[in-house]
C-alpha atoms as a PDB file:
ATOM      1  CA  MET A   1    -115.655  56.811 144.933  1.00  0.00           C
ATOM      2  CA  ARG A   2    -114.211  54.739 147.781  1.00  0.00           C
ATOM      3  CA  ALA A   3    -115.932  54.094 151.133  1.00  0.00           C
ATOM      4  CA  LEU A   4    -114.483  52.900 154.443  1.00  0.00           C
ATOM      5  CA  VAL A   5    -117.244  50.978 156.217  1.00  0.00           C
ATOM      6  CA  ALA A   6    -116.995  50.520 159.990  1.00  0.00           C
ATOM      7  CA  MET A   7    -118.077  46.880 160.348  1.00  0.00           C
ATOM      8  CA  SER A   8    -119.029  45.829 163.870  1.00  0.00           C
ATOM      9  CA  GLY A   9    -120.083  42.320 162.917  1.00  0.00           C
ATOM     10  CA  GLY A  10    -123.772  43.188 163.254  1.00  0.00           C
ATOM     11  CA  VAL A  11    -126.511  43.240 160.660  1.00  0.00           C
ATOM     12  CA  ASP A  12    -126.691  47.044 160.354  1.00  0.00           C
ATOM     13  CA  SER A  13    -123.054  47.588 159.357  1.00  0.00           C
ATOM     14  CA  SER A  14    -123.149  44.473 157.140  1.00  0.00           C
ATOM     15  CA  VAL A  15    -126.068  45.916 155.177  1.00  0.00           C
ATOM     16  CA  ALA A  16    -124.430  49.364 155.136  1.00  0.00           C
ATOM     17  CA  ALA A  17    -121.453  47.830 153.319  1.00  0.00           C
ATOM     18  CA  ALA A  18    -123.724  46.058 150.836  1.00  0.00           C
ATOM     19  CA  LEU A  19    -125.709  49.241 150.157  1.00  0.00           C
ATOM     20  CA  MET A  20    -122.558  51.215 149.380  1.00  0.00           C
ATOM     21  CA  LEU A  21    -121.565  48.550 146.861  1.00  0.00           C
ATOM     22  CA  ASP A  22    -125.033  48.871 145.324  1.00  0.00           C
ATOM     23  CA  GLN A  23    -124.432  52.619 144.998  1.00  0.00           C
ATOM     24  CA  GLY A  24    -121.269  51.967 143.012  1.00  0.00           C
ATOM     25  CA  TYR A  25    -118.685  52.608 145.703  1.00  0.00           C
ATOM     26  CA  GLU A  26    -115.478  50.670 146.103  1.00  0.00           C
ATOM     27  CA  VAL A  27    -115.761  49.407 149.691  1.00  0.00           C
ATOM     28  CA  VAL A  28    -113.137  48.737 152.362  1.00  0.00           C
ATOM     29  CA  GLY A  29    -114.319  47.139 155.616  1.00  0.00           C
ATOM     30  CA  ALA A  30    -112.735  47.789 159.009  1.00  0.00           C
ATOM     31  CA  THR A  31    -113.325  46.769 162.624  1.00  0.00           C
ATOM     32  CA  LEU A  32    -111.849  48.670 165.560  1.00  0.00           C
ATOM     33  CA  LYS A  33    -110.162  46.509 168.172  1.00  0.00           C
ATOM     34  CA  GLN A  34    -110.800  48.587 171.283  1.00  0.00           C
ATOM     35  CA  TRP A  35    -110.413  46.108 174.117  1.00  0.00           C
ATOM     36  CA  GLU A  36    -108.484  42.924 174.736  1.00  0.00           C
ATOM     37  CA  GLY A  37    -108.086  40.161 177.293  1.00  0.00           C
ATOM     38  CA  ALA A  38    -104.949  39.263 179.204  1.00  0.00           C
ATOM     39  CA  ASP A  39    -103.768  37.242 176.204  1.00  0.00           C
ATOM     40  CA  GLY A  40    -104.041  40.255 173.903  1.00  0.00           C
ATOM     41  CA  ALA A  41    -107.001  38.806 172.016  1.00  0.00           C
ATOM     42  CA  MET A  42    -110.336  40.555 171.470  1.00  0.00           C
ATOM     43  CA  PRO A  43    -112.919  39.793 174.195  1.00  0.00           C
ATOM     44  CA  LEU A  44    -115.047  36.659 173.993  1.00  0.00           C
ATOM     45  CA  ALA A  45    -118.233  38.250 175.397  1.00  0.00           C
ATOM     46  CA  GLY A  46    -120.007  41.599 175.079  1.00  0.00           C
ATOM     47  CA  CYS A  47    -119.858  43.671 171.905  1.00  0.00           C
ATOM     48  CA  CYS A  48    -116.825  44.111 169.614  1.00  0.00           C
ATOM     49  CA  THR A  49    -115.817  40.514 170.385  1.00  0.00           C
ATOM     50  CA  VAL A  50    -113.582  38.137 168.462  1.00  0.00           C
ATOM     51  CA  SER A  51    -116.723  36.450 167.103  1.00  0.00           C
ATOM     52  CA  ASP A  52    -118.053  39.845 165.949  1.00  0.00           C
ATOM     53  CA  ALA A  53    -114.806  40.474 164.096  1.00  0.00           C
ATOM     54  CA  GLU A  54    -115.083  37.038 162.530  1.00  0.00           C
ATOM     55  CA  ASP A  55    -118.654  37.780 161.423  1.00  0.00           C
ATOM     56  CA  ALA A  56    -117.467  41.070 159.914  1.00  0.00           C
ATOM     57  CA  ARG A  57    -114.588  39.323 158.151  1.00  0.00           C
ATOM     58  CA  ARG A  58    -116.898  36.682 156.676  1.00  0.00           C
ATOM     59  CA  VAL A  59    -119.414  39.274 155.483  1.00  0.00           C
ATOM     60  CA  ALA A  60    -116.569  41.238 153.872  1.00  0.00           C
ATOM     61  CA  ALA A  61    -115.385  38.030 152.173  1.00  0.00           C
ATOM     62  CA  GLN A  62    -118.909  37.321 150.932  1.00  0.00           C
ATOM     63  CA  LEU A  63    -119.135  40.863 149.530  1.00  0.00           C
ATOM     64  CA  ASP A  64    -115.617  40.457 148.120  1.00  0.00           C
ATOM     65  CA  VAL A  65    -114.206  43.590 149.769  1.00  0.00           C
ATOM     66  CA  PRO A  66    -110.905  44.023 151.650  1.00  0.00           C
ATOM     67  CA  TYR A  67    -111.167  43.969 155.432  1.00  0.00           C
ATOM     68  CA  TYR A  68    -108.909  45.181 158.253  1.00  0.00           C
ATOM     69  CA  VAL A  69    -108.872  45.037 162.058  1.00  0.00           C
ATOM     70  CA  LEU A  70    -107.455  48.309 163.424  1.00  0.00           C
ATOM     71  CA  ASP A  71    -105.892  48.276 166.900  1.00  0.00           C
ATOM     72  CA  TYR A  72    -106.880  51.226 169.100  1.00  0.00           C
ATOM     73  CA  VAL A  73    -106.826  49.530 172.494  1.00  0.00           C
ATOM     74  CA  ASP A  74    -104.518  52.084 174.125  1.00  0.00           C
ATOM     75  CA  GLU A  75    -106.570  55.085 172.969  1.00  0.00           C
ATOM     76  CA  PHE A  76    -109.838  53.443 174.024  1.00  0.00           C
ATOM     77  CA  THR A  77    -108.469  52.487 177.450  1.00  0.00           C
ATOM     78  CA  GLU A  78    -107.246  55.995 178.178  1.00  0.00           C
ATOM     79  CA  LYS A  79    -110.092  58.034 176.731  1.00  0.00           C
ATOM     80  CA  VAL A  80    -113.102  55.817 177.417  1.00  0.00           C
ATOM     81  CA  VAL A  81    -112.436  53.140 180.068  1.00  0.00           C
ATOM     82  CA  ASP A  82    -110.406  55.331 182.417  1.00  0.00           C
ATOM     83  CA  HIS A  83    -112.919  58.153 181.934  1.00  0.00           C
ATOM     84  CA  PHE A  84    -115.716  55.691 182.773  1.00  0.00           C
ATOM     85  CA  GLY A  85    -114.107  54.892 186.123  1.00  0.00           C
ATOM     86  CA  GLU A  86    -113.331  58.526 186.885  1.00  0.00           C
ATOM     87  CA  MET A  87    -116.956  59.484 186.312  1.00  0.00           C
ATOM     88  CA  TYR A  88    -118.240  56.828 188.712  1.00  0.00           C
ATOM     89  CA  ALA A  89    -115.663  57.927 191.291  1.00  0.00           C
ATOM     90  CA  ALA A  90    -117.124  61.439 190.923  1.00  0.00           C
ATOM     91  CA  GLY A  91    -120.617  60.121 191.688  1.00  0.00           C
ATOM     92  CA  LYS A  92    -121.785  60.362 188.066  1.00  0.00           C
ATOM     93  CA  THR A  93    -123.350  57.901 185.633  1.00  0.00           C
ATOM     94  CA  PRO A  94    -121.438  57.986 182.332  1.00  0.00           C
ATOM     95  CA  ASN A  95    -122.471  56.769 178.889  1.00  0.00           C
ATOM     96  CA  PRO A  96    -119.300  55.109 177.527  1.00  0.00           C
ATOM     97  CA  CYS A  97    -120.753  54.592 174.039  1.00  0.00           C
ATOM     98  CA  ILE A  98    -121.141  58.352 173.638  1.00  0.00           C
ATOM     99  CA  GLU A  99    -117.636  58.957 174.982  1.00  0.00           C
ATOM    100  CA  CYS A 100    -116.301  56.378 172.526  1.00  0.00           C
ATOM    101  CA  ASN A 101    -117.947  58.241 169.637  1.00  0.00           C
ATOM    102  CA  ARG A 102    -116.741  61.592 170.972  1.00  0.00           C
ATOM    103  CA  ARG A 103    -113.176  60.678 171.936  1.00  0.00           C
ATOM    104  CA  VAL A 104    -112.144  57.707 169.778  1.00  0.00           C
ATOM    105  CA  ARG A 105    -114.323  56.083 167.140  1.00  0.00           C
ATOM    106  CA  PHE A 106    -115.097  58.880 164.693  1.00  0.00           C
ATOM    107  CA  SER A 107    -111.788  60.695 164.984  1.00  0.00           C
ATOM    108  CA  VAL A 108    -109.681  57.586 164.331  1.00  0.00           C
ATOM    109  CA  LEU A 109    -111.988  56.235 161.630  1.00  0.00           C
ATOM    110  CA  LEU A 110    -112.039  59.547 159.774  1.00  0.00           C
ATOM    111  CA  GLU A 111    -108.252  59.626 160.016  1.00  0.00           C
ATOM    112  CA  ARG A 112    -108.092  56.097 158.563  1.00  0.00           C
ATOM    113  CA  THR A 113    -110.602  57.088 155.884  1.00  0.00           C
ATOM    114  CA  ARG A 114    -108.119  59.611 154.549  1.00  0.00           C
ATOM    115  CA  ALA A 115    -105.090  57.341 155.080  1.00  0.00           C
ATOM    116  CA  LEU A 116    -106.702  54.520 153.071  1.00  0.00           C
ATOM    117  CA  GLY A 117    -107.585  56.843 150.218  1.00  0.00           C
ATOM    118  CA  CYS A 118    -111.318  56.667 150.892  1.00  0.00           C
ATOM    119  CA  ASP A 119    -113.766  59.467 150.204  1.00  0.00           C
ATOM    120  CA  VAL A 120    -116.387  58.730 152.861  1.00  0.00           C
ATOM    121  CA  LEU A 121    -116.787  56.925 156.180  1.00  0.00           C
ATOM    122  CA  VAL A 122    -119.868  54.719 156.495  1.00  0.00           C
ATOM    123  CA  THR A 123    -121.409  53.400 159.730  1.00  0.00           C
ATOM    124  CA  GLY A 124    -124.491  51.342 160.504  1.00  0.00           C
ATOM    125  CA  HIS A 125    -126.135  53.890 162.816  1.00  0.00           C
ATOM    126  CA  HIS A 126    -129.867  54.474 162.601  1.00  0.00           C
ATOM    127  CA  ALA A 127    -129.753  58.217 161.879  1.00  0.00           C
ATOM    128  CA  ARG A 128    -129.778  60.385 158.745  1.00  0.00           C
ATOM    129  CA  ILE A 129    -127.731  63.222 157.291  1.00  0.00           C
ATOM    130  CA  ARG A 130    -129.306  65.980 155.205  1.00  0.00           C
ATOM    131  CA  HIS A 131    -127.521  68.691 153.233  1.00  0.00           C
ATOM    132  CA  ASP A 132    -128.797  72.047 151.978  1.00  0.00           C
ATOM    133  CA  ALA A 133    -127.605  75.633 151.544  1.00  0.00           C
ATOM    134  CA  ALA A 134    -127.345  76.001 155.343  1.00  0.00           C
ATOM    135  CA  GLY A 135    -124.980  73.046 155.670  1.00  0.00           C
ATOM    136  CA  TYR A 136    -125.241  69.508 157.004  1.00  0.00           C
ATOM    137  CA  HIS A 137    -128.043  68.386 159.312  1.00  0.00           C
ATOM    138  CA  LEU A 138    -128.201  65.339 161.585  1.00  0.00           C
ATOM    139  CA  VAL A 139    -131.715  63.865 161.692  1.00  0.00           C
ATOM    140  CA  LYS A 140    -133.384  60.993 163.520  1.00  0.00           C
ATOM    141  CA  GLY A 141    -133.520  57.647 161.754  1.00  0.00           C
ATOM    142  CA  VAL A 142    -136.662  56.450 159.966  1.00  0.00           C
ATOM    143  CA  ASP A 143    -137.164  53.712 162.570  1.00  0.00           C
ATOM    144  CA  GLY A 144    -138.015  55.618 165.735  1.00  0.00           C
ATOM    145  CA  THR A 145    -137.620  52.495 167.877  1.00  0.00           C
ATOM    146  CA  LYS A 146    -133.975  52.137 166.768  1.00  0.00           C
ATOM    147  CA  ASP A 147    -133.005  55.800 166.349  1.00  0.00           C
ATOM    148  CA  GLN A 148    -129.379  56.446 167.389  1.00  0.00           C
ATOM    149  CA  SER A 149    -129.115  60.165 166.674  1.00  0.00           C
ATOM    150  CA  TYR A 150    -128.716  60.733 170.441  1.00  0.00           C
ATOM    151  CA  VAL A 151    -125.281  59.048 170.483  1.00  0.00           C
ATOM    152  CA  LEU A 152    -124.093  61.048 167.442  1.00  0.00           C
ATOM    153  CA  HIS A 153    -124.901  64.542 168.719  1.00  0.00           C
ATOM    154  CA  MET A 154    -121.201  65.493 168.945  1.00  0.00           C
ATOM    155  CA  LEU A 155    -120.653  65.280 165.175  1.00  0.00           C
ATOM    156  CA  GLY A 156    -119.988  68.606 163.469  1.00  0.00           C
ATOM    157  CA  GLN A 157    -120.030  69.934 159.925  1.00  0.00           C
ATOM    158  CA  GLY A 158    -116.633  68.534 158.983  1.00  0.00           C
ATOM    159  CA  ASP A 159    -117.596  65.092 160.267  1.00  0.00           C
ATOM    160  CA  LEU A 160    -120.998  64.994 158.573  1.00  0.00           C
ATOM    161  CA  ALA A 161    -119.463  66.070 155.254  1.00  0.00           C
ATOM    162  CA  GLN A 162    -117.495  62.807 155.202  1.00  0.00           C
ATOM    163  CA  VAL A 163    -119.914  60.422 156.940  1.00  0.00           C
ATOM    164  CA  ARG A 164    -122.689  58.377 155.316  1.00  0.00           C
ATOM    165  CA  LEU A 165    -125.479  56.650 157.264  1.00  0.00           C
ATOM    166  CA  PRO A 166    -127.412  54.524 154.742  1.00  0.00           C
ATOM    167  CA  ILE A 167    -129.202  52.438 157.387  1.00  0.00           C
ATOM    168  CA  GLY A 168    -130.954  55.523 158.751  1.00  0.00           C
ATOM    169  CA  GLU A 169    -133.303  55.450 155.776  1.00  0.00           C
ATOM    170  CA  MET A 170    -134.555  51.944 156.668  1.00  0.00           C
ATOM    171  CA  THR A 171    -136.515  50.250 159.413  1.00  0.00           C
ATOM    172  CA  LYS A 172    -134.800  47.485 161.328  1.00  0.00           C
ATOM    173  CA  THR A 173    -137.192  44.984 159.772  1.00  0.00           C
ATOM    174  CA  ALA A 174    -136.200  46.155 156.294  1.00  0.00           C
ATOM    175  CA  VAL A 175    -132.511  45.884 157.206  1.00  0.00           C
ATOM    176  CA  ARG A 176    -132.926  42.261 158.287  1.00  0.00           C
ATOM    177  CA  GLU A 177    -134.986  41.433 155.216  1.00  0.00           C
ATOM    178  CA  TYR A 178    -132.308  42.933 152.965  1.00  0.00           C
ATOM    179  CA  ALA A 179    -129.608  40.942 154.758  1.00  0.00           C
ATOM    180  CA  ALA A 180    -131.629  37.737 154.538  1.00  0.00           C
ATOM    181  CA  GLY A 181    -132.236  38.301 150.838  1.00  0.00           C
ATOM    182  CA  MET A 182    -128.485  38.509 150.303  1.00  0.00           C
ATOM    183  CA  GLY A 183    -127.843  35.492 152.508  1.00  0.00           C
ATOM    184  CA  LEU A 184    -125.660  37.480 154.925  1.00  0.00           C
ATOM    185  CA  ARG A 185    -124.709  35.493 158.039  1.00  0.00           C
ATOM    186  CA  THR A 186    -125.653  38.438 160.278  1.00  0.00           C
ATOM    187  CA  ALA A 187    -129.275  38.693 159.053  1.00  0.00           C
ATOM    188  CA  ALA A 188    -130.808  37.247 162.241  1.00  0.00           C
ATOM    189  CA  LYS A 189    -128.012  38.166 164.645  1.00  0.00           C
ATOM    190  CA  PRO A 190    -129.366  39.850 167.819  1.00  0.00           C
ATOM    191  CA  ASP A 191    -128.287  43.409 168.597  1.00  0.00           C
ATOM    192  CA  SER A 192    -125.602  43.597 171.281  1.00  0.00           C
ATOM    193  CA  GLN A 193    -126.544  45.406 174.487  1.00  0.00           C
ATOM    194  CA  ASP A 194    -123.263  44.857 176.340  1.00  0.00           C
ATOM    195  CA  LEU A 195    -120.289  47.152 176.872  1.00  0.00           C
ATOM    196  CA  CYS A 196    -117.248  45.902 174.969  1.00  0.00           C
ATOM    197  CA  PHE A 197    -114.931  46.201 177.975  1.00  0.00           C
ATOM    198  CA  ILE A 198    -117.376  44.598 180.426  1.00  0.00           C
ATOM    199  CA  GLY A 199    -118.605  41.638 178.396  1.00  0.00           C
ATOM    200  CA  ALA A 200    -120.943  39.230 180.129  1.00  0.00           C
ATOM    201  CA  GLY A 201    -119.838  40.285 183.609  1.00  0.00           C
ATOM    202  CA  SER A 202    -121.089  43.048 185.888  1.00  0.00           C
ATOM    203  CA  TYR A 203    -119.910  46.610 185.310  1.00  0.00           C
ATOM    204  CA  ARG A 204    -119.999  47.030 189.096  1.00  0.00           C
ATOM    205  CA  ASP A 205    -117.539  44.178 189.589  1.00  0.00           C
ATOM    206  CA  PHE A 206    -115.360  45.640 186.823  1.00  0.00           C
ATOM    207  CA  ILE A 207    -115.262  49.042 188.529  1.00  0.00           C
ATOM    208  CA  ARG A 208    -114.637  47.543 191.967  1.00  0.00           C
ATOM    209  CA  GLU A 209    -111.622  45.717 190.612  1.00  0.00           C
ATOM    210  CA  ARG A 210    -110.199  48.478 188.415  1.00  0.00           C
ATOM    211  CA  PHE A 211    -111.386  51.709 190.093  1.00  0.00           C
ATOM    212  CA  PRO A 212    -111.689  51.101 193.857  1.00  0.00           C
ATOM    213  CA  ASP A 213    -112.342  54.797 194.583  1.00  0.00           C
ATOM    214  CA  ALA A 214    -115.687  54.471 192.797  1.00  0.00           C
ATOM    215  CA  ALA A 215    -116.644  51.578 195.050  1.00  0.00           C
ATOM    216  CA  ARG A 216    -116.034  53.312 198.382  1.00  0.00           C
ATOM    217  CA  PRO A 217    -118.647  52.527 201.038  1.00  0.00           C
ATOM    218  CA  GLY A 218    -120.395  55.417 202.742  1.00  0.00           C
ATOM    219  CA  PRO A 219    -123.513  56.605 204.551  1.00  0.00           C
ATOM    220  CA  LEU A 220    -126.984  55.936 203.188  1.00  0.00           C
ATOM    221  CA  VAL A 221    -129.177  58.797 204.418  1.00  0.00           C
ATOM    222  CA  THR A 222    -132.621  60.324 203.937  1.00  0.00           C
ATOM    223  CA  SER A 223    -133.105  63.826 202.582  1.00  0.00           C
ATOM    224  CA  ASP A 224    -133.833  64.833 206.199  1.00  0.00           C
ATOM    225  CA  GLY A 225    -130.367  63.712 207.254  1.00  0.00           C
ATOM    226  CA  GLU A 226    -131.367  60.472 208.979  1.00  0.00           C
ATOM    227  CA  THR A 227    -128.715  57.759 208.620  1.00  0.00           C
ATOM    228  CA  LEU A 228    -130.188  54.518 207.354  1.00  0.00           C
ATOM    229  CA  GLY A 229    -127.012  52.475 207.185  1.00  0.00           C
ATOM    230  CA  ILE A 230    -123.766  52.039 205.265  1.00  0.00           C
ATOM    231  CA  HIS A 231    -123.810  51.148 201.589  1.00  0.00           C
ATOM    232  CA  GLU A 232    -121.122  49.019 199.900  1.00  0.00           C
ATOM    233  CA  GLY A 233    -120.091  51.475 197.200  1.00  0.00           C
ATOM    234  CA  MET A 234    -121.213  54.495 195.128  1.00  0.00           C
ATOM    235  CA  VAL A 235    -121.010  52.388 191.987  1.00  0.00           C
ATOM    236  CA  ASP A 236    -124.166  50.589 193.103  1.00  0.00           C
ATOM    237  CA  PHE A 237    -126.278  53.737 192.714  1.00  0.00           C
ATOM    238  CA  THR A 238    -127.493  56.178 190.094  1.00  0.00           C
ATOM    239  CA  ILE A 239    -129.876  59.119 190.317  1.00  0.00           C
ATOM    240  CA  GLY A 240    -133.486  57.941 190.054  1.00  0.00           C
ATOM    241  CA  GLN A 241    -132.759  54.381 191.154  1.00  0.00           C
ATOM    242  CA  ARG A 242    -135.528  52.718 193.149  1.00  0.00           C
ATOM    243  CA  LYS A 243    -134.560  49.042 193.424  1.00  0.00           C
ATOM    244  CA  GLY A 244    -131.535  47.498 195.086  1.00  0.00           C
ATOM    245  CA  LEU A 245    -131.156  50.269 197.663  1.00  0.00           C
ATOM    246  CA  GLY A 246    -130.415  47.874 200.510  1.00  0.00           C
ATOM    247  CA  VAL A 247    -133.100  49.283 202.824  1.00  0.00           C
ATOM    248  CA  ALA A 248    -136.874  48.963 203.178  1.00  0.00           C
ATOM    249  CA  LEU A 249    -138.721  52.060 204.330  1.00  0.00           C
ATOM    250  CA  GLY A 250    -142.325  51.006 203.796  1.00  0.00           C
ATOM    251  CA  GLU A 251    -142.841  53.402 200.878  1.00  0.00           C
ATOM    252  CA  PRO A 252    -140.977  54.017 197.622  1.00  0.00           C
ATOM    253  CA  ARG A 253    -137.663  55.833 197.927  1.00  0.00           C
ATOM    254  CA  TYR A 254    -135.325  56.920 195.162  1.00  0.00           C
ATOM    255  CA  VAL A 255    -131.693  57.944 194.911  1.00  0.00           C
ATOM    256  CA  VAL A 256    -131.836  61.750 194.791  1.00  0.00           C
ATOM    257  CA  GLY A 257    -128.205  62.592 195.507  1.00  0.00           C
ATOM    258  CA  ILE A 258    -124.669  61.159 195.433  1.00  0.00           C
ATOM    259  CA  ASP A 259    -121.876  63.085 197.183  1.00  0.00           C
ATOM    260  CA  PRO A 260    -118.489  61.769 195.993  1.00  0.00           C
ATOM    261  CA  THR A 261    -116.504  63.657 198.654  1.00  0.00           C
ATOM    262  CA  THR A 262    -118.057  61.620 201.472  1.00  0.00           C
ATOM    263  CA  ALA A 263    -119.530  58.747 199.391  1.00  0.00           C
ATOM    264  CA  THR A 264    -122.939  59.691 200.825  1.00  0.00           C
ATOM    265  CA  VAL A 265    -126.017  58.434 198.980  1.00  0.00           C
ATOM    266  CA  THR A 266    -129.255  60.296 199.697  1.00  0.00           C
ATOM    267  CA  LEU A 267    -132.709  58.749 199.331  1.00  0.00           C
ATOM    268  CA  GLY A 268    -135.867  60.791 198.857  1.00  0.00           C
ATOM    269  CA  THR A 269    -139.429  60.698 197.613  1.00  0.00           C
ATOM    270  CA  LYS A 270    -140.511  60.798 193.998  1.00  0.00           C
ATOM    271  CA  ASP A 271    -141.357  64.485 194.345  1.00  0.00           C
ATOM    272  CA  GLU A 272    -137.823  65.169 195.609  1.00  0.00           C
ATOM    273  CA  LEU A 273    -136.476  63.512 192.470  1.00  0.00           C
ATOM    274  CA  LEU A 274    -138.072  66.173 190.258  1.00  0.00           C
ATOM    275  CA  VAL A 275    -135.825  69.017 189.084  1.00  0.00           C
ATOM    276  CA  ALA A 276    -136.414  72.200 187.109  1.00  0.00           C
ATOM    277  CA  GLY A 277    -133.459  71.759 184.787  1.00  0.00           C
ATOM    278  CA  CYS A 278    -129.796  70.886 184.486  1.00  0.00           C
ATOM    279  CA  GLN A 279    -126.391  72.385 183.794  1.00  0.00           C
ATOM    280  CA  VAL A 280    -124.706  70.911 180.702  1.00  0.00           C
ATOM    281  CA  GLU A 281    -120.969  71.055 179.928  1.00  0.00           C
ATOM    282  CA  ASP A 282    -118.774  70.123 176.950  1.00  0.00           C
ATOM    283  CA  VAL A 283    -121.571  71.398 174.695  1.00  0.00           C
ATOM    284  CA  SER A 284    -121.213  71.295 170.932  1.00  0.00           C
ATOM    285  CA  PHE A 285    -123.629  72.152 168.149  1.00  0.00           C
ATOM    286  CA  VAL A 286    -123.966  70.271 164.867  1.00  0.00           C
ATOM    287  CA  SER A 287    -124.095  73.498 162.852  1.00  0.00           C
ATOM    288  CA  GLY A 288    -121.088  74.917 164.695  1.00  0.00           C
ATOM    289  CA  ARG A 289    -123.165  77.619 166.366  1.00  0.00           C
ATOM    290  CA  PRO A 290    -126.088  77.773 168.825  1.00  0.00           C
ATOM    291  CA  PRO A 291    -129.612  77.836 167.394  1.00  0.00           C
ATOM    292  CA  VAL A 292    -131.387  81.178 167.156  1.00  0.00           C
ATOM    293  CA  ASP A 293    -134.520  79.608 168.623  1.00  0.00           C
ATOM    294  CA  ARG A 294    -133.642  78.522 172.166  1.00  0.00           C
ATOM    295  CA  ASP A 295    -136.939  76.665 172.621  1.00  0.00           C
ATOM    296  CA  VAL A 296    -136.014  73.030 171.997  1.00  0.00           C
ATOM    297  CA  THR A 297    -136.827  69.494 173.031  1.00  0.00           C
ATOM    298  CA  VAL A 298    -134.257  67.623 175.107  1.00  0.00           C
ATOM    299  CA  LYS A 299    -133.480  63.960 175.664  1.00  0.00           C
ATOM    300  CA  ILE A 300    -131.745  63.339 178.995  1.00  0.00           C
ATOM    301  CA  ARG A 301    -131.262  59.583 178.491  1.00  0.00           C
ATOM    302  CA  TYR A 302    -130.927  57.388 175.432  1.00  0.00           C
ATOM    303  CA  ARG A 303    -134.360  55.777 175.820  1.00  0.00           C
ATOM    304  CA  ALA A 304    -136.107  58.864 177.221  1.00  0.00           C
ATOM    305  CA  GLN A 305    -138.784  60.748 175.320  1.00  0.00           C
ATOM    306  CA  PRO A 306    -137.801  64.302 174.316  1.00  0.00           C
ATOM    307  CA  VAL A 307    -139.297  66.964 176.586  1.00  0.00           C
ATOM    308  CA  ALA A 308    -139.858  70.667 175.949  1.00  0.00           C
ATOM    309  CA  ALA A 309    -137.186  72.973 177.358  1.00  0.00           C
ATOM    310  CA  LYS A 310    -135.394  76.273 176.916  1.00  0.00           C
ATOM    311  CA  ILE A 311    -131.598  76.438 176.697  1.00  0.00           C
ATOM    312  CA  ALA A 312    -129.452  79.383 177.786  1.00  0.00           C
ATOM    313  CA  ASP A 313    -125.743  80.086 177.364  1.00  0.00           C
ATOM    314  CA  GLU A 314    -124.094  80.515 180.770  1.00  0.00           C
ATOM    315  CA  GLY A 315    -121.093  82.242 179.214  1.00  0.00           C
ATOM    316  CA  ASP A 316    -118.522  79.864 180.739  1.00  0.00           C
ATOM    317  CA  GLY A 317    -118.758  77.124 178.137  1.00  0.00           C
ATOM    318  CA  SER A 318    -121.733  75.499 179.812  1.00  0.00           C
ATOM    319  CA  TRP A 319    -125.442  75.747 179.040  1.00  0.00           C
ATOM    320  CA  ARG A 320    -128.459  75.733 181.321  1.00  0.00           C
ATOM    321  CA  VAL A 321    -131.490  73.668 180.368  1.00  0.00           C
ATOM    322  CA  LEU A 322    -134.827  74.643 181.924  1.00  0.00           C
ATOM    323  CA  PHE A 323    -137.606  72.106 181.394  1.00  0.00           C
ATOM    324  CA  ALA A 324    -141.152  73.200 180.624  1.00  0.00           C
ATOM    325  CA  ASP A 325    -142.230  70.682 183.287  1.00  0.00           C
ATOM    326  CA  PRO A 326    -140.060  69.272 186.098  1.00  0.00           C
ATOM    327  CA  GLN A 327    -138.262  66.051 185.177  1.00  0.00           C
ATOM    328  CA  ALA A 328    -137.147  63.075 187.240  1.00  0.00           C
ATOM    329  CA  ALA A 329    -133.922  61.044 187.204  1.00  0.00           C
ATOM    330  CA  VAL A 330    -131.670  63.732 185.719  1.00  0.00           C
ATOM    331  CA  ALA A 331    -128.341  61.962 186.207  1.00  0.00           C
ATOM    332  CA  PRO A 332    -125.013  63.826 186.020  1.00  0.00           C
ATOM    333  CA  GLY A 333    -122.755  62.096 183.508  1.00  0.00           C
ATOM    334  CA  GLN A 334    -125.518  61.301 181.054  1.00  0.00           C
ATOM    335  CA  ALA A 335    -125.925  63.292 177.836  1.00  0.00           C
ATOM    336  CA  ALA A 336    -128.511  66.013 177.289  1.00  0.00           C
ATOM    337  CA  VAL A 337    -129.221  66.222 173.561  1.00  0.00           C
ATOM    338  CA  PHE A 338    -131.115  69.121 171.978  1.00  0.00           C
ATOM    339  CA  TYR A 339    -133.588  68.726 169.091  1.00  0.00           C
ATOM    340  CA  HIS A 340    -135.834  70.813 166.876  1.00  0.00           C
ATOM    341  CA  GLY A 341    -138.375  68.255 165.710  1.00  0.00           C
ATOM    342  CA  ASP A 342    -136.391  65.347 164.253  1.00  0.00           C
ATOM    343  CA  GLU A 343    -133.198  67.373 163.816  1.00  0.00           C
ATOM    344  CA  VAL A 344    -130.331  67.138 166.300  1.00  0.00           C
ATOM    345  CA  LEU A 345    -129.035  70.572 167.280  1.00  0.00           C
ATOM    346  CA  GLY A 346    -126.249  69.373 169.569  1.00  0.00           C
ATOM    347  CA  GLY A 347    -125.778  68.536 173.209  1.00  0.00           C
ATOM    348  CA  GLY A 348    -123.337  67.856 176.014  1.00  0.00           C
ATOM    349  CA  THR A 349    -122.828  66.135 179.350  1.00  0.00           C
ATOM    350  CA  ILE A 350    -125.091  66.794 182.328  1.00  0.00           C
ATOM    351  CA  ALA A 351    -122.920  68.324 185.066  1.00  0.00           C
ATOM    352  CA  ARG A 352    -125.599  68.764 187.714  1.00  0.00           C
ATOM    353  CA  ALA A 353    -129.312  69.126 188.262  1.00  0.00           C
ATOM    354  CA  VAL A 354    -130.889  72.565 188.727  1.00  0.00           C
ATOM    355  CA  ARG A 355    -133.589  72.610 191.391  1.00  0.00           C
END
């Protein structure tokens, strides 16, 4: 059996490659080049940098496996970076890592898996795949503090049949200990928190330069319609934001609305931030069909705790999520991911809040 391992240059994917060798697989390592500087080289800061590719190459050399850098800059720019700017211009707060998984990473890597004569695609995500008579199931990783099942909710049966997630069975501590025991150069490497196309800079500066429509100034108003001033750009705000509002009102105020047609940002109280549910679009289900039991738990942000909710098919391709208790900071553009216990059912993109 032959495995294509997506090697990011971090400790998780390094150990994933080593584990597949331990399981008797012939391993091929690959890094996606998704962004580049003016000179055509991979970025120097952020994630997916030239130094990350070098770390991946050296780990592959240490493991004695072939290694490739695959150029998908054009696809990533069109499907992820441009989408990122369009979402901000629409007054939404996107998650580009999810869009990368949905629109680029898994589709191109699975295509390369077949082209390179490999049987499975392996990544270093902290999540697990289970298989039984009902099909393939996507499950949270063993390490709840590092679980990444949220960003994989778009994977379906065909994807899961070819994907392996060996790191999902381990805690992060165990991963680092395994890497250290093998003497891998990535054993103590910190996890990257940056966006590959932003690097060490500010995403707001990036958007102002590349997508000026998302940085349009406009009115800053209260929920009662009182004008408080003029803000410098919609990109500076997201639903639920409390700090950096540019005004002091003597009591806490939060961003409760962003109107992209007029670039108006509305501030309200914490109670006004609470909503009954949300409308979710581009919904997919891991099993290929909606669950029979519509009582689920939902995560509305990557680091949020799952909350009880009921989901309902709206019949137009979108789904309505009604929370058992009102929730705050439901931001259009973020993903709403549905769970039964530790199992991912599916999810989609929040289109709007339901009050």
